[in-house]
N, C-alpha and C. Protein backbone atom coordinates (compact mmCIF):
# COMPACT_ATOMS: atom_id res chain seq x y z
N MET A 1 0.78 -1.34 -0.36
CA MET A 1 0.11 0.11 -0.11
C MET A 1 0.83 1.11 0.04
N ALA A 2 0.94 2.39 -0.76
CA ALA A 2 1.57 3.46 -0.96
C ALA A 2 1.12 4.65 0.32
N THR A 3 2.05 4.78 0.75
CA THR A 3 1.81 5.95 1.69
C THR A 3 2.02 7.30 1.55
N TRP A 4 1.35 8.19 1.87
CA TRP A 4 1.35 9.54 1.44
C TRP A 4 1.09 10.61 2.80
N GLN A 5 1.90 11.44 2.64
CA GLN A 5 2.00 12.66 4.07
C GLN A 5 0.84 13.22 3.56
N LEU A 6 0.13 13.96 4.41
CA LEU A 6 -0.92 14.71 4.14
C LEU A 6 -1.05 15.78 3.27
N ARG A 7 0.27 16.57 3.12
CA ARG A 7 0.41 17.66 2.28
C ARG A 7 0.72 16.96 1.11
N ASP A 8 1.42 15.97 0.83
CA ASP A 8 1.72 15.51 -0.34
C ASP A 8 0.38 15.11 -1.01
N ALA A 9 -0.57 14.46 -0.07
CA ALA A 9 -1.79 13.72 -0.57
C ALA A 9 -2.79 15.29 -1.27
N LYS A 10 -2.33 16.23 -0.66
CA LYS A 10 -3.41 17.11 -0.93
C LYS A 10 -2.79 17.95 -2.02
N ALA A 11 -1.61 17.87 -2.67
CA ALA A 11 -0.97 18.65 -3.53
C ALA A 11 -1.44 17.52 -4.85
N ARG A 12 -1.26 16.38 -4.58
CA ARG A 12 -1.47 15.40 -5.65
C ARG A 12 -2.44 14.46 -5.57
N PHE A 13 -3.79 14.96 -5.22
CA PHE A 13 -4.67 14.06 -4.82
C PHE A 13 -5.21 13.23 -6.27
N SER A 14 -5.35 14.00 -7.49
CA SER A 14 -5.64 13.34 -8.53
C SER A 14 -4.69 12.26 -8.68
N GLN A 15 -3.42 12.44 -8.58
CA GLN A 15 -2.45 11.08 -8.73
C GLN A 15 -2.96 9.86 -7.58
N LEU A 16 -3.39 10.28 -6.56
CA LEU A 16 -3.66 9.36 -5.09
C LEU A 16 -4.77 8.62 -5.73
N LEU A 17 -5.70 9.75 -6.18
CA LEU A 17 -7.36 8.87 -6.39
C LEU A 17 -7.22 7.84 -7.59
N ARG A 18 -6.30 8.27 -8.50
CA ARG A 18 -6.13 7.51 -10.16
C ARG A 18 -5.64 6.27 -9.33
N GLN A 19 -4.70 6.17 -8.48
CA GLN A 19 -4.01 5.00 -8.14
C GLN A 19 -5.13 4.14 -7.21
N ALA A 20 -5.97 5.05 -6.33
CA ALA A 20 -7.03 4.04 -5.70
C ALA A 20 -7.87 3.31 -6.60
N ARG A 21 -8.18 4.29 -7.67
CA ARG A 21 -9.24 3.46 -8.39
C ARG A 21 -8.58 2.53 -9.24
N GLU A 22 -7.68 2.47 -9.58
CA GLU A 22 -6.76 1.16 -10.18
C GLU A 22 -6.77 -0.07 -9.01
N GLY A 23 -7.27 0.29 -7.94
CA GLY A 23 -7.47 -0.85 -7.03
C GLY A 23 -6.03 -1.32 -6.19
N GLU A 24 -5.52 -0.03 -5.74
CA GLU A 24 -4.14 -0.06 -4.75
C GLU A 24 -4.63 0.92 -3.86
N PRO A 25 -5.03 0.43 -2.63
CA PRO A 25 -5.55 1.46 -1.55
C PRO A 25 -4.05 2.50 -1.35
N GLN A 26 -4.79 3.46 -0.68
CA GLN A 26 -3.73 4.55 -0.80
C GLN A 26 -3.67 5.19 0.51
N GLN A 27 -2.63 5.19 1.44
CA GLN A 27 -2.60 5.35 3.03
C GLN A 27 -2.14 6.93 2.96
N ILE A 28 -3.09 7.63 4.03
CA ILE A 28 -2.36 9.09 4.34
C ILE A 28 -2.00 9.13 5.48
N THR A 29 -1.03 9.64 5.97
CA THR A 29 -0.74 10.20 7.27
C THR A 29 -0.47 11.21 7.71
N VAL A 30 -0.85 11.39 8.91
CA VAL A 30 -0.73 12.81 9.76
C VAL A 30 0.46 12.74 10.77
N HIS A 31 1.47 13.61 10.66
CA HIS A 31 2.26 13.82 11.53
C HIS A 31 3.19 12.24 11.83
N GLY A 32 3.10 11.58 10.91
CA GLY A 32 3.65 10.40 10.43
C GLY A 32 2.79 9.09 11.00
N ARG A 33 1.69 9.16 11.51
CA ARG A 33 0.84 8.24 12.08
C ARG A 33 -0.24 8.25 10.93
N PRO A 34 -0.67 6.82 10.60
CA PRO A 34 -1.76 6.64 9.77
C PRO A 34 -2.90 7.29 10.20
N ALA A 35 -3.76 7.84 9.20
CA ALA A 35 -4.95 8.54 9.30
C ALA A 35 -6.39 7.96 8.71
N ALA A 36 -5.90 7.94 7.27
CA ALA A 36 -6.69 7.37 6.79
C ALA A 36 -6.48 6.57 5.36
N VAL A 37 -7.25 5.52 5.02
CA VAL A 37 -7.07 5.00 3.67
C VAL A 37 -7.99 5.32 2.59
N VAL A 38 -7.56 5.58 1.29
CA VAL A 38 -8.51 5.86 -0.12
C VAL A 38 -8.52 4.63 -0.66
N LEU A 39 -9.62 3.86 -0.75
CA LEU A 39 -10.16 2.70 -1.81
C LEU A 39 -10.59 3.30 -3.03
N SER A 40 -10.78 2.42 -3.78
CA SER A 40 -11.63 2.43 -4.84
C SER A 40 -13.22 2.28 -4.30
N GLN A 41 -14.10 2.55 -5.36
CA GLN A 41 -15.35 2.42 -4.89
C GLN A 41 -15.85 0.60 -4.90
N GLU A 42 -15.16 0.24 -6.02
CA GLU A 42 -15.03 -1.11 -5.94
C GLU A 42 -14.67 -2.00 -4.89
N ASP A 43 -13.83 -1.66 -4.42
CA ASP A 43 -13.27 -2.18 -3.02
C ASP A 43 -14.18 -1.92 -1.93
N TYR A 44 -14.46 -0.44 -1.71
CA TYR A 44 -14.93 -0.27 -0.69
C TYR A 44 -16.43 -1.04 -0.30
N GLU A 45 -17.06 -1.07 -1.89
CA GLU A 45 -18.54 -1.86 -1.96
C GLU A 45 -18.38 -3.50 -1.51
N ARG A 46 -17.14 -4.13 -1.96
CA ARG A 46 -17.20 -5.39 -1.41
C ARG A 46 -17.11 -5.59 0.03
N LEU A 47 -15.99 -4.68 0.56
CA LEU A 47 -15.59 -4.71 1.93
C LEU A 47 -16.87 -4.46 2.99
N LYS A 48 -18.07 -3.79 2.15
CA LYS A 48 -19.34 -3.35 3.16
C LYS A 48 -20.39 -4.32 2.83
N ALA A 49 -20.19 -5.13 1.84
CA ALA A 49 -21.16 -6.14 1.53
C ALA A 49 -21.49 -6.95 2.71
N PRO A 50 -22.57 -7.29 2.81
CA PRO A 50 -23.03 -8.13 4.27
C PRO A 50 -22.21 -9.88 3.89
N LYS A 51 -21.52 -10.51 4.99
CA LYS A 51 -21.01 -11.33 4.56
C LYS A 51 -22.17 -12.82 5.04
N PRO A 52 -21.97 -13.92 4.36
CA PRO A 52 -23.01 -15.16 4.75
C PRO A 52 -22.74 -15.44 5.98
N SER A 53 -23.43 -16.14 6.44
CA SER A 53 -23.36 -16.69 7.95
C SER A 53 -22.51 -18.00 7.80
N PHE A 54 -21.99 -18.74 8.46
CA PHE A 54 -21.11 -19.75 8.41
C PHE A 54 -21.88 -20.83 8.00
N VAL A 55 -23.20 -20.93 8.56
CA VAL A 55 -24.41 -22.00 8.35
C VAL A 55 -24.63 -21.93 6.36
N ASP A 56 -24.43 -20.57 6.24
CA ASP A 56 -25.27 -20.43 4.80
C ASP A 56 -24.12 -20.62 3.62
N PHE A 57 -22.45 -20.77 4.37
CA PHE A 57 -21.55 -20.78 3.57
C PHE A 57 -21.23 -22.35 3.33
N MET A 58 -21.73 -22.93 4.55
CA MET A 58 -21.55 -24.61 4.35
C MET A 58 -22.66 -25.11 3.45
N ARG A 59 -23.85 -24.30 3.36
CA ARG A 59 -25.02 -24.95 2.51
C ARG A 59 -24.49 -24.52 1.15
N ALA A 60 -23.88 -23.54 0.83
CA ALA A 60 -23.53 -23.51 -0.28
C ALA A 60 -22.25 -24.07 -1.04
N SER A 61 -21.53 -25.00 -0.26
CA SER A 61 -20.43 -25.96 -0.39
C SER A 61 -21.11 -26.83 -1.59
N PRO A 62 -20.09 -26.87 -2.68
CA PRO A 62 -19.82 -27.72 -3.95
C PRO A 62 -20.09 -29.36 -3.18
N LEU A 63 -19.69 -29.54 -2.02
CA LEU A 63 -19.81 -31.14 -1.13
C LEU A 63 -20.81 -31.20 -0.65
N VAL A 64 -21.76 -30.25 -0.38
CA VAL A 64 -23.14 -30.99 0.11
C VAL A 64 -23.47 -32.16 -0.03
N GLY A 65 -23.89 -33.07 0.64
CA GLY A 65 -24.68 -34.23 0.21
C GLY A 65 -23.55 -35.22 0.09
N VAL A 66 -22.46 -35.00 -0.03
CA VAL A 66 -20.63 -35.96 0.08
C VAL A 66 -21.05 -36.94 1.15
N GLU A 67 -21.02 -38.00 0.96
CA GLU A 67 -20.70 -38.72 2.47
C GLU A 67 -19.28 -38.62 2.93
N LEU A 68 -19.16 -39.01 3.81
CA LEU A 68 -17.41 -38.67 4.28
C LEU A 68 -17.38 -39.77 5.20
N GLU A 69 -16.61 -40.58 4.76
CA GLU A 69 -15.93 -41.87 5.61
C GLU A 69 -14.83 -41.43 6.49
N ALA A 70 -15.32 -41.08 8.11
CA ALA A 70 -14.26 -40.46 9.26
C ALA A 70 -14.26 -41.65 9.83
N GLU A 71 -12.67 -42.36 10.13
CA GLU A 71 -12.79 -43.21 11.29
C GLU A 71 -11.87 -42.79 12.26
N ARG A 72 -12.25 -42.86 13.61
CA ARG A 72 -11.66 -42.41 14.61
C ARG A 72 -10.29 -43.43 15.12
N ASP A 73 -9.21 -42.70 15.12
CA ASP A 73 -7.48 -43.55 15.45
C ASP A 73 -8.03 -43.87 16.63
N ASN A 74 -7.97 -45.04 17.15
CA ASN A 74 -8.28 -45.72 18.44
C ASN A 74 -6.67 -46.02 19.35
N SER A 75 -5.77 -45.64 18.79
CA SER A 75 -4.33 -46.02 19.23
C SER A 75 -4.29 -44.96 20.37
N LEU A 76 -3.45 -45.37 21.62
CA LEU A 76 -3.19 -44.79 22.65
C LEU A 76 -2.32 -43.81 22.76
N PRO A 77 -2.62 -42.71 23.21
CA PRO A 77 -1.69 -41.13 23.23
C PRO A 77 -0.52 -41.31 23.48
N ARG A 78 0.58 -40.90 22.84
CA ARG A 78 2.02 -40.88 23.08
C ARG A 78 2.12 -40.39 24.58
N ASN A 79 3.50 -41.15 25.32
CA ASN A 79 3.65 -40.81 26.65
C ASN A 79 4.57 -39.43 26.34
N VAL A 80 4.31 -38.50 27.63
CA VAL A 80 4.65 -37.33 27.42
C VAL A 80 5.60 -36.86 28.89
N ASP A 81 6.59 -36.93 29.08
CA ASP A 81 7.07 -36.55 30.04
C ASP A 81 7.02 -34.95 30.86
N LEU A 82 6.41 -35.15 31.95
CA LEU A 82 6.24 -33.57 32.59
C LEU A 82 7.41 -33.47 33.24
């Protein structure tokens, strides 16, 4: 991510905006500390979009309905010296 000091960001805002629109977030600092990030509209919309619940995610899996054969390992645990 490119980093801009505030004065440089103001002076070259068109360049900063163009780079953000091309998909590269731009960080702006004030007194050397991160203050803001400029994103493309597309990146912003993707980040704010609602995320599916875990259950919905699993239901949308291409493996829904596949039977898995899982066997438990019944061997004894290893010895640990404490």
